[in-house]
Amino acid sequence: MYKSGDTYSINEVKGKRMSFVSNSSTSGFRVPTSSITAHFADDNLDEDKLVEGGSGQFFSEVYFGDSHQGSAINLVNGNVDVAAFCDTELAPYIALKEGV
């Protein structure tokens, strides 16, 4: 769904259910929100507008996994459509079958 040619794009994340690690996480919140606010600059976003989901918000729902593994589990379990987490934090727990 997020593939654009040979790469991936965040163009379609608006309105989706999102999982972050925690609002104090650098790699699981600050880095992804800075990328989202830069990419959707016309939407006049800031971190505060990405913390909560719902009607009139950027995301339909926002979850916090409380860990990188928890945020990934939110995605795997189907609780969310998009998740932010550091892939190296998951390396001890998963084996990549295909992709990058």
PDB file of N, CA and C in Angstrom:
ATOM      1  N   MET A   1       0.805  -1.190   0.000  1.00  0.00           N
ATOM      2  CA  MET A   1       0.000   0.000   0.000  1.00  0.00           C
ATOM      3  C   MET A   1       0.859   1.271   0.000  1.00  0.00           C
ATOM      4  N   TYR A   2       2.034   1.192   0.605  1.00  0.00           N
ATOM      5  CA  TYR A   2       2.884   2.370   0.730  1.00  0.00           C
ATOM      6  C   TYR A   2       4.048   2.364  -0.258  1.00  0.00           C
ATOM      7  N   LYS A   3       4.070   1.377  -1.150  1.00  0.00           N
ATOM      8  CA  LYS A   3       5.145   1.279  -2.127  1.00  0.00           C
ATOM      9  C   LYS A   3       4.914   2.286  -3.253  1.00  0.00           C
ATOM     10  N   SER A   4       5.994   2.955  -3.632  1.00  0.00           N
ATOM     11  CA  SER A   4       5.966   3.934  -4.708  1.00  0.00           C
ATOM     12  C   SER A   4       7.167   3.663  -5.601  1.00  0.00           C
ATOM     13  N   GLY A   5       6.951   2.927  -6.680  1.00  0.00           N
ATOM     14  CA  GLY A   5       8.067   2.505  -7.523  1.00  0.00           C
ATOM     15  C   GLY A   5       8.913   1.496  -6.785  1.00  0.00           C
ATOM     16  N   ASP A   6      10.209   1.761  -6.696  1.00  0.00           N
ATOM     17  CA  ASP A   6      11.133   0.861  -6.002  1.00  0.00           C
ATOM     18  C   ASP A   6      11.332   1.234  -4.536  1.00  0.00           C
ATOM     19  N   THR A   7      10.647   2.273  -4.063  1.00  0.00           N
ATOM     20  CA  THR A   7      10.799   2.728  -2.683  1.00  0.00           C
ATOM     21  C   THR A   7       9.432   2.783  -2.008  1.00  0.00           C
ATOM     22  N   TYR A   8       9.420   3.318  -0.814  1.00  0.00           N
ATOM     23  CA  TYR A   8       8.178   3.468  -0.066  1.00  0.00           C
ATOM     24  C   TYR A   8       7.929   4.950   0.200  1.00  0.00           C
ATOM     25  N   SER A   9       6.682   5.315   0.342  1.00  0.00           N
ATOM     26  CA  SER A   9       6.296   6.705   0.539  1.00  0.00           C
ATOM     27  C   SER A   9       5.342   6.823   1.720  1.00  0.00           C
ATOM     28  N   ILE A  10       5.378   7.960   2.387  1.00  0.00           N
ATOM     29  CA  ILE A  10       4.432   8.211   3.475  1.00  0.00           C
ATOM     30  C   ILE A  10       3.231   9.034   2.995  1.00  0.00           C
ATOM     31  N   ASN A  11       3.073   9.170   1.699  1.00  0.00           N
ATOM     32  CA  ASN A  11       1.963   9.964   1.160  1.00  0.00           C
ATOM     33  C   ASN A  11       0.599   9.506   1.647  1.00  0.00           C
ATOM     34  N   GLU A  12       0.434   8.239   1.938  1.00  0.00           N
ATOM     35  CA  GLU A  12      -0.881   7.684   2.280  1.00  0.00           C
ATOM     36  C   GLU A  12      -1.126   7.493   3.777  1.00  0.00           C
ATOM     37  N   VAL A  13      -0.278   8.036   4.654  1.00  0.00           N
ATOM     38  CA  VAL A  13      -0.464   7.790   6.084  1.00  0.00           C
ATOM     39  C   VAL A  13      -1.540   8.662   6.726  1.00  0.00           C
ATOM     40  N   LYS A  14      -1.881   9.749   6.108  1.00  0.00           N
ATOM     41  CA  LYS A  14      -2.905  10.645   6.667  1.00  0.00           C
ATOM     42  C   LYS A  14      -4.233   9.896   6.794  1.00  0.00           C
ATOM     43  N   GLY A  15      -4.845  10.007   7.964  1.00  0.00           N
ATOM     44  CA  GLY A  15      -6.122   9.349   8.212  1.00  0.00           C
ATOM     45  C   GLY A  15      -6.015   7.907   8.671  1.00  0.00           C
ATOM     46  N   LYS A  16      -4.802   7.388   8.745  1.00  0.00           N
ATOM     47  CA  LYS A  16      -4.593   5.996   9.164  1.00  0.00           C
ATOM     48  C   LYS A  16      -4.485   5.892  10.685  1.00  0.00           C
ATOM     49  N   ARG A  17      -4.507   4.663  11.178  1.00  0.00           N
ATOM     50  CA  ARG A  17      -4.267   4.376  12.593  1.00  0.00           C
ATOM     51  C   ARG A  17      -2.753   4.240  12.772  1.00  0.00           C
ATOM     52  N   MET A  18      -2.169   4.992  13.706  1.00  0.00           N
ATOM     53  CA  MET A  18      -0.722   5.098  13.856  1.00  0.00           C
ATOM     54  C   MET A  18      -0.268   4.635  15.232  1.00  0.00           C
ATOM     55  N   SER A  19       0.882   3.957  15.280  1.00  0.00           N
ATOM     56  CA  SER A  19       1.499   3.586  16.552  1.00  0.00           C
ATOM     57  C   SER A  19       2.890   4.204  16.636  1.00  0.00           C
ATOM     58  N   PHE A  20       3.136   4.873  17.741  1.00  0.00           N
ATOM     59  CA  PHE A  20       4.468   5.370  18.079  1.00  0.00           C
ATOM     60  C   PHE A  20       4.959   4.553  19.273  1.00  0.00           C
ATOM     61  N   VAL A  21       6.242   4.687  19.600  1.00  0.00           N
ATOM     62  CA  VAL A  21       6.803   4.017  20.770  1.00  0.00           C
ATOM     63  C   VAL A  21       6.290   4.715  22.030  1.00  0.00           C
ATOM     64  N   SER A  22       6.675   5.954  22.221  1.00  0.00           N
ATOM     65  CA  SER A  22       6.185   6.816  23.301  1.00  0.00           C
ATOM     66  C   SER A  22       6.479   8.248  22.879  1.00  0.00           C
ATOM     67  N   ASN A  23       5.790   9.201  23.477  1.00  0.00           N
ATOM     68  CA  ASN A  23       6.011  10.584  23.044  1.00  0.00           C
ATOM     69  C   ASN A  23       7.338  11.153  23.529  1.00  0.00           C
ATOM     70  N   SER A  24       8.115  10.370  24.282  1.00  0.00           N
ATOM     71  CA  SER A  24       9.448  10.798  24.700  1.00  0.00           C
ATOM     72  C   SER A  24      10.560  10.061  23.954  1.00  0.00           C
ATOM     73  N   SER A  25      10.199   9.172  23.052  1.00  0.00           N
ATOM     74  CA  SER A  25      11.184   8.389  22.298  1.00  0.00           C
ATOM     75  C   SER A  25      11.742   9.195  21.126  1.00  0.00           C
ATOM     76  N   THR A  26      13.040   9.185  20.980  1.00  0.00           N
ATOM     77  CA  THR A  26      13.649   9.883  19.841  1.00  0.00           C
ATOM     78  C   THR A  26      13.363   9.136  18.546  1.00  0.00           C
ATOM     79  N   SER A  27      13.768   7.875  18.465  1.00  0.00           N
ATOM     80  CA  SER A  27      13.599   7.124  17.220  1.00  0.00           C
ATOM     81  C   SER A  27      12.167   6.650  17.003  1.00  0.00           C
ATOM     82  N   GLY A  28      11.390   6.555  18.067  1.00  0.00           N
ATOM     83  CA  GLY A  28      10.028   6.050  17.956  1.00  0.00           C
ATOM     84  C   GLY A  28       8.962   7.116  17.994  1.00  0.00           C
ATOM     85  N   PHE A  29       9.376   8.412  18.062  1.00  0.00           N
ATOM     86  CA  PHE A  29       8.408   9.508  18.023  1.00  0.00           C
ATOM     87  C   PHE A  29       8.988  10.770  17.387  1.00  0.00           C
ATOM     88  N   ARG A  30      10.051  11.301  17.938  1.00  0.00           N
ATOM     89  CA  ARG A  30      10.578  12.589  17.458  1.00  0.00           C
ATOM     90  C   ARG A  30      11.052  12.529  15.996  1.00  0.00           C
ATOM     91  N   VAL A  31      11.788  11.488  15.647  1.00  0.00           N
ATOM     92  CA  VAL A  31      12.270  11.367  14.263  1.00  0.00           C
ATOM     93  C   VAL A  31      11.107  11.163  13.289  1.00  0.00           C
ATOM     94  N   PRO A  32      10.198  10.205  13.557  1.00  0.00           N
ATOM     95  CA  PRO A  32       9.087  10.049  12.610  1.00  0.00           C
ATOM     96  C   PRO A  32       8.174  11.278  12.524  1.00  0.00           C
ATOM     97  N   THR A  33       7.900  11.935  13.660  1.00  0.00           N
ATOM     98  CA  THR A  33       7.022  13.105  13.584  1.00  0.00           C
ATOM     99  C   THR A  33       7.690  14.252  12.837  1.00  0.00           C
ATOM    100  N   SER A  34       9.005  14.390  12.966  1.00  0.00           N
ATOM    101  CA  SER A  34       9.685  15.448  12.208  1.00  0.00           C
ATOM    102  C   SER A  34       9.636  15.154  10.710  1.00  0.00           C
ATOM    103  N   SER A  35       9.730  13.886  10.341  1.00  0.00           N
ATOM    104  CA  SER A  35       9.610  13.516   8.923  1.00  0.00           C
ATOM    105  C   SER A  35       8.191  13.761   8.416  1.00  0.00           C
ATOM    106  N   ILE A  36       7.203  13.437   9.227  1.00  0.00           N
ATOM    107  CA  ILE A  36       5.808  13.618   8.830  1.00  0.00           C
ATOM    108  C   ILE A  36       5.485  15.107   8.705  1.00  0.00           C
ATOM    109  N   THR A  37       5.902  15.914   9.687  1.00  0.00           N
ATOM    110  CA  THR A  37       5.603  17.354   9.608  1.00  0.00           C
ATOM    111  C   THR A  37       6.306  18.002   8.423  1.00  0.00           C
ATOM    112  N   ALA A  38       7.515  17.559   8.099  1.00  0.00           N
ATOM    113  CA  ALA A  38       8.224  18.105   6.932  1.00  0.00           C
ATOM    114  C   ALA A  38       7.544  17.670   5.635  1.00  0.00           C
ATOM    115  N   HIS A  39       7.158  16.414   5.546  1.00  0.00           N
ATOM    116  CA  HIS A  39       6.539  15.886   4.328  1.00  0.00           C
ATOM    117  C   HIS A  39       5.169  16.517   4.081  1.00  0.00           C
ATOM    118  N   PHE A  40       4.415  16.742   5.136  1.00  0.00           N
ATOM    119  CA  PHE A  40       3.079  17.327   5.016  1.00  0.00           C
ATOM    120  C   PHE A  40       3.091  18.780   5.486  1.00  0.00           C
ATOM    121  N   ALA A  41       4.086  19.531   5.038  1.00  0.00           N
ATOM    122  CA  ALA A  41       4.265  20.921   5.473  1.00  0.00           C
ATOM    123  C   ALA A  41       3.029  21.779   5.202  1.00  0.00           C
ATOM    124  N   ASP A  42       2.307  21.505   4.140  1.00  0.00           N
ATOM    125  CA  ASP A  42       1.112  22.288   3.821  1.00  0.00           C
ATOM    126  C   ASP A  42      -0.010  22.105   4.842  1.00  0.00           C
ATOM    127  N   ASP A  43       0.057  21.035   5.652  1.00  0.00           N
ATOM    128  CA  ASP A  43      -0.969  20.772   6.664  1.00  0.00           C
ATOM    129  C   ASP A  43      -0.694  21.508   7.974  1.00  0.00           C
ATOM    130  N   ASN A  44       0.423  22.259   8.033  1.00  0.00           N
ATOM    131  CA  ASN A  44       0.758  23.046   9.225  1.00  0.00           C
ATOM    132  C   ASN A  44       0.748  22.186  10.496  1.00  0.00           C
ATOM    133  N   LEU A  45       1.459  21.060  10.444  1.00  0.00           N
ATOM    134  CA  LEU A  45       1.496  20.117  11.565  1.00  0.00           C
ATOM    135  C   LEU A  45       2.622  20.431  12.528  1.00  0.00           C
ATOM    136  N   ASP A  46       2.463  19.978  13.755  1.00  0.00           N
ATOM    137  CA  ASP A  46       3.545  19.927  14.733  1.00  0.00           C
ATOM    138  C   ASP A  46       3.337  18.654  15.556  1.00  0.00           C
ATOM    139  N   GLU A  47       4.274  18.353  16.447  1.00  0.00           N
ATOM    140  CA  GLU A  47       4.176  17.120  17.239  1.00  0.00           C
ATOM    141  C   GLU A  47       2.857  17.022  17.989  1.00  0.00           C
ATOM    142  N   ASP A  48       2.401  18.130  18.533  1.00  0.00           N
ATOM    143  CA  ASP A  48       1.160  18.123  19.313  1.00  0.00           C
ATOM    144  C   ASP A  48      -0.037  17.672  18.485  1.00  0.00           C
ATOM    145  N   LYS A  49      -0.037  17.976  17.203  1.00  0.00           N
ATOM    146  CA  LYS A  49      -1.147  17.592  16.338  1.00  0.00           C
ATOM    147  C   LYS A  49      -1.074  16.129  15.911  1.00  0.00           C
ATOM    148  N   LEU A  50       0.055  15.472  16.180  1.00  0.00           N
ATOM    149  CA  LEU A  50       0.222  14.074  15.800  1.00  0.00           C
ATOM    150  C   LEU A  50       0.061  13.116  16.974  1.00  0.00           C
ATOM    151  N   VAL A  51      -0.053  13.638  18.181  1.00  0.00           N
ATOM    152  CA  VAL A  51      -0.150  12.811  19.384  1.00  0.00           C
ATOM    153  C   VAL A  51      -1.534  12.197  19.550  1.00  0.00           C
ATOM    154  N   GLU A  52      -2.553  12.874  19.095  1.00  0.00           N
ATOM    155  CA  GLU A  52      -3.919  12.391  19.278  1.00  0.00           C
ATOM    156  C   GLU A  52      -4.579  12.128  17.936  1.00  0.00           C
ATOM    157  N   GLY A  53      -5.378  11.094  17.882  1.00  0.00           N
ATOM    158  CA  GLY A  53      -6.146  10.798  16.693  1.00  0.00           C
ATOM    159  C   GLY A  53      -7.593  11.180  16.884  1.00  0.00           C
ATOM    160  N   GLY A  54      -8.344  11.028  15.820  1.00  0.00           N
ATOM    161  CA  GLY A  54      -9.771  11.298  15.910  1.00  0.00           C
ATOM    162  C   GLY A  54     -10.248  12.214  14.803  1.00  0.00           C
ATOM    163  N   SER A  55     -11.494  12.570  14.893  1.00  0.00           N
ATOM    164  CA  SER A  55     -12.107  13.437  13.899  1.00  0.00           C
ATOM    165  C   SER A  55     -11.376  14.780  13.839  1.00  0.00           C
ATOM    166  N   GLY A  56     -11.002  15.178  12.654  1.00  0.00           N
ATOM    167  CA  GLY A  56     -10.299  16.440  12.457  1.00  0.00           C
ATOM    168  C   GLY A  56      -8.813  16.376  12.736  1.00  0.00           C
ATOM    169  N   GLN A  57      -8.310  15.220  13.153  1.00  0.00           N
ATOM    170  CA  GLN A  57      -6.880  15.063  13.426  1.00  0.00           C
ATOM    171  C   GLN A  57      -6.189  14.436  12.219  1.00  0.00           C
ATOM    172  N   PHE A  58      -4.866  14.500  12.200  1.00  0.00           N
ATOM    173  CA  PHE A  58      -4.098  13.932  11.091  1.00  0.00           C
ATOM    174  C   PHE A  58      -4.276  12.417  11.021  1.00  0.00           C
ATOM    175  N   PHE A  59      -4.189  11.737  12.171  1.00  0.00           N
ATOM    176  CA  PHE A  59      -4.393  10.293  12.235  1.00  0.00           C
ATOM    177  C   PHE A  59      -5.783   9.996  12.788  1.00  0.00           C
ATOM    178  N   SER A  60      -6.377   8.906  12.322  1.00  0.00           N
ATOM    179  CA  SER A  60      -7.695   8.530  12.839  1.00  0.00           C
ATOM    180  C   SER A  60      -7.606   8.023  14.277  1.00  0.00           C
ATOM    181  N   GLU A  61      -6.536   7.316  14.606  1.00  0.00           N
ATOM    182  CA  GLU A  61      -6.271   6.835  15.956  1.00  0.00           C
ATOM    183  C   GLU A  61      -4.764   6.844  16.173  1.00  0.00           C
ATOM    184  N   VAL A  62      -4.333   7.080  17.400  1.00  0.00           N
ATOM    185  CA  VAL A  62      -2.913   7.042  17.738  1.00  0.00           C
ATOM    186  C   VAL A  62      -2.727   6.129  18.943  1.00  0.00           C
ATOM    187  N   TYR A  63      -1.816   5.187  18.807  1.00  0.00           N
ATOM    188  CA  TYR A  63      -1.467   4.242  19.866  1.00  0.00           C
ATOM    189  C   TYR A  63      -0.009   4.463  20.254  1.00  0.00           C
ATOM    190  N   PHE A  64       0.325   4.063  21.467  1.00  0.00           N
ATOM    191  CA  PHE A  64       1.712   4.068  21.920  1.00  0.00           C
ATOM    192  C   PHE A  64       2.038   2.660  22.406  1.00  0.00           C
ATOM    193  N   GLY A  65       3.093   2.071  21.844  1.00  0.00           N
ATOM    194  CA  GLY A  65       3.472   0.703  22.188  1.00  0.00           C
ATOM    195  C   GLY A  65       4.277   0.582  23.461  1.00  0.00           C
ATOM    196  N   ASP A  66       4.762   1.715  23.988  1.00  0.00           N
ATOM    197  CA  ASP A  66       5.591   1.764  25.203  1.00  0.00           C
ATOM    198  C   ASP A  66       6.962   1.128  25.033  1.00  0.00           C
ATOM    199  N   SER A  67       7.241   0.570  23.875  1.00  0.00           N
ATOM    200  CA  SER A  67       8.564   0.049  23.515  1.00  0.00           C
ATOM    201  C   SER A  67       8.577  -0.098  21.989  1.00  0.00           C
ATOM    202  N   HIS A  68       9.755  -0.275  21.430  1.00  0.00           N
ATOM    203  CA  HIS A  68       9.837  -0.496  19.983  1.00  0.00           C
ATOM    204  C   HIS A  68       9.123  -1.789  19.611  1.00  0.00           C
ATOM    205  N   GLN A  69       9.324  -2.807  20.434  1.00  0.00           N
ATOM    206  CA  GLN A  69       8.665  -4.084  20.190  1.00  0.00           C
ATOM    207  C   GLN A  69       7.140  -3.931  20.292  1.00  0.00           C
ATOM    208  N   GLY A  70       6.669  -3.170  21.265  1.00  0.00           N
ATOM    209  CA  GLY A  70       5.236  -2.946  21.440  1.00  0.00           C
ATOM    210  C   GLY A  70       4.608  -2.221  20.268  1.00  0.00           C
ATOM    211  N   SER A  71       5.319  -1.249  19.720  1.00  0.00           N
ATOM    212  CA  SER A  71       4.808  -0.532  18.554  1.00  0.00           C
ATOM    213  C   SER A  71       4.732  -1.463  17.343  1.00  0.00           C
ATOM    214  N   ALA A  72       5.741  -2.314  17.190  1.00  0.00           N
ATOM    215  CA  ALA A  72       5.727  -3.291  16.095  1.00  0.00           C
ATOM    216  C   ALA A  72       4.589  -4.291  16.270  1.00  0.00           C
ATOM    217  N   ILE A  73       4.342  -4.718  17.493  1.00  0.00           N
ATOM    218  CA  ILE A  73       3.247  -5.654  17.770  1.00  0.00           C
ATOM    219  C   ILE A  73       1.903  -5.021  17.433  1.00  0.00           C
ATOM    220  N   ASN A  74       1.740  -3.724  17.702  1.00  0.00           N
ATOM    221  CA  ASN A  74       0.504  -3.037  17.306  1.00  0.00           C
ATOM    222  C   ASN A  74       0.262  -3.180  15.809  1.00  0.00           C
ATOM    223  N   LEU A  75       1.333  -3.119  15.026  1.00  0.00           N
ATOM    224  CA  LEU A  75       1.219  -3.265  13.578  1.00  0.00           C
ATOM    225  C   LEU A  75       0.927  -4.713  13.186  1.00  0.00           C
ATOM    226  N   VAL A  76       1.693  -5.631  13.733  1.00  0.00           N
ATOM    227  CA  VAL A  76       1.542  -7.047  13.399  1.00  0.00           C
ATOM    228  C   VAL A  76       0.154  -7.563  13.789  1.00  0.00           C
ATOM    229  N   ASN A  77      -0.358  -7.116  14.917  1.00  0.00           N
ATOM    230  CA  ASN A  77      -1.676  -7.549  15.387  1.00  0.00           C
ATOM    231  C   ASN A  77      -2.834  -6.902  14.635  1.00  0.00           C
ATOM    232  N   GLY A  78      -2.535  -5.910  13.800  1.00  0.00           N
ATOM    233  CA  GLY A  78      -3.584  -5.251  13.045  1.00  0.00           C
ATOM    234  C   GLY A  78      -4.296  -4.146  13.798  1.00  0.00           C
ATOM    235  N   ASN A  79      -3.761  -3.752  14.957  1.00  0.00           N
ATOM    236  CA  ASN A  79      -4.359  -2.644  15.710  1.00  0.00           C
ATOM    237  C   ASN A  79      -4.176  -1.316  14.996  1.00  0.00           C
ATOM    238  N   VAL A  80      -3.101  -1.205  14.193  1.00  0.00           N
ATOM    239  CA  VAL A  80      -2.791   0.029  13.473  1.00  0.00           C
ATOM    240  C   VAL A  80      -2.426  -0.290  12.027  1.00  0.00           C
ATOM    241  N   ASP A  81      -2.429   0.750  11.226  1.00  0.00           N
ATOM    242  CA  ASP A  81      -2.052   0.630   9.820  1.00  0.00           C
ATOM    243  C   ASP A  81      -0.583   0.983   9.599  1.00  0.00           C
ATOM    244  N   VAL A  82      -0.046   1.831  10.469  1.00  0.00           N
ATOM    245  CA  VAL A  82       1.316   2.357  10.331  1.00  0.00           C
ATOM    246  C   VAL A  82       1.944   2.375  11.722  1.00  0.00           C
ATOM    247  N   ALA A  83       3.235   2.058  11.801  1.00  0.00           N
ATOM    248  CA  ALA A  83       3.912   2.074  13.096  1.00  0.00           C
ATOM    249  C   ALA A  83       5.331   2.606  12.951  1.00  0.00           C
ATOM    250  N   ALA A  84       5.764   3.323  13.979  1.00  0.00           N
ATOM    251  CA  ALA A  84       7.139   3.810  14.048  1.00  0.00           C
ATOM    252  C   ALA A  84       7.877   2.989  15.094  1.00  0.00           C
ATOM    253  N   PHE A  85       9.028   2.459  14.718  1.00  0.00           N
ATOM    254  CA  PHE A  85       9.879   1.728  15.649  1.00  0.00           C
ATOM    255  C   PHE A  85      11.244   1.583  15.014  1.00  0.00           C
ATOM    256  N   CYS A  86      12.249   1.343  15.825  1.00  0.00           N
ATOM    257  CA  CYS A  86      13.620   1.155  15.349  1.00  0.00           C
ATOM    258  C   CYS A  86      13.816  -0.315  14.999  1.00  0.00           C
ATOM    259  N   ASP A  87      14.096  -0.603  13.750  1.00  0.00           N
ATOM    260  CA  ASP A  87      14.220  -1.993  13.313  1.00  0.00           C
ATOM    261  C   ASP A  87      15.369  -2.733  13.989  1.00  0.00           C
ATOM    262  N   THR A  88      16.432  -2.032  14.358  1.00  0.00           N
ATOM    263  CA  THR A  88      17.538  -2.723  15.017  1.00  0.00           C
ATOM    264  C   THR A  88      17.149  -3.196  16.418  1.00  0.00           C
ATOM    265  N   GLU A  89      16.171  -2.545  17.032  1.00  0.00           N
ATOM    266  CA  GLU A  89      15.675  -2.990  18.337  1.00  0.00           C
ATOM    267  C   GLU A  89      14.934  -4.322  18.223  1.00  0.00           C
ATOM    268  N   LEU A  90      14.423  -4.628  17.021  1.00  0.00           N
ATOM    269  CA  LEU A  90      13.660  -5.854  16.814  1.00  0.00           C
ATOM    270  C   LEU A  90      14.513  -7.001  16.290  1.00  0.00           C
ATOM    271  N   ALA A  91      15.733  -6.719  15.881  1.00  0.00           N
ATOM    272  CA  ALA A  91      16.595  -7.738  15.267  1.00  0.00           C
ATOM    273  C   ALA A  91      16.712  -9.036  16.085  1.00  0.00           C
ATOM    274  N   PRO A  92      16.804  -8.963  17.407  1.00  0.00           N
ATOM    275  CA  PRO A  92      16.899 -10.222  18.165  1.00  0.00           C
ATOM    276  C   PRO A  92      15.624 -11.072  18.134  1.00  0.00           C
ATOM    277  N   TYR A  93      14.514 -10.495  17.708  1.00  0.00           N
ATOM    278  CA  TYR A  93      13.225 -11.170  17.801  1.00  0.00           C
ATOM    279  C   TYR A  93      12.647 -11.636  16.473  1.00  0.00           C
ATOM    280  N   ILE A  94      13.162 -11.116  15.360  1.00  0.00           N
ATOM    281  CA  ILE A  94      12.564 -11.427  14.060  1.00  0.00           C
ATOM    282  C   ILE A  94      13.624 -11.771  13.044  1.00  0.00           C
ATOM    283  N   ALA A  95      13.198 -12.437  11.983  1.00  0.00           N
ATOM    284  CA  ALA A  95      14.059 -12.728  10.847  1.00  0.00           C
ATOM    285  C   ALA A  95      13.349 -12.207   9.598  1.00  0.00           C
ATOM    286  N   LEU A  96      14.035 -11.373   8.839  1.00  0.00           N
ATOM    287  CA  LEU A  96      13.482 -10.791   7.627  1.00  0.00           C
ATOM    288  C   LEU A  96      13.334 -11.872   6.554  1.00  0.00           C
ATOM    289  N   LYS A  97      12.141 -12.014   6.024  1.00  0.00           N
ATOM    290  CA  LYS A  97      11.877 -12.999   4.976  1.00  0.00           C
ATOM    291  C   LYS A  97      12.159 -12.442   3.600  1.00  0.00           C
ATOM    292  N   GLU A  98      11.797 -11.161   3.385  1.00  0.00           N
ATOM    293  CA  GLU A  98      12.050 -10.508   2.106  1.00  0.00           C
ATOM    294  C   GLU A  98      12.002  -9.009   2.312  1.00  0.00           C
ATOM    295  N   GLY A  99      12.496  -8.259   1.362  1.00  0.00           N
ATOM    296  CA  GLY A  99      12.460  -6.804   1.440  1.00  0.00           C
ATOM    297  C   GLY A  99      13.803  -6.243   1.806  1.00  0.00           C
ATOM    298  N   VAL A 100      13.757  -5.025   2.284  1.00  0.00           N
ATOM    299  CA  VAL A 100      14.994  -4.300   2.617  1.00  0.00           C
ATOM    300  C   VAL A 100      15.191  -4.245   4.098  1.00  0.00           C
TER     301      VAL A 100
END
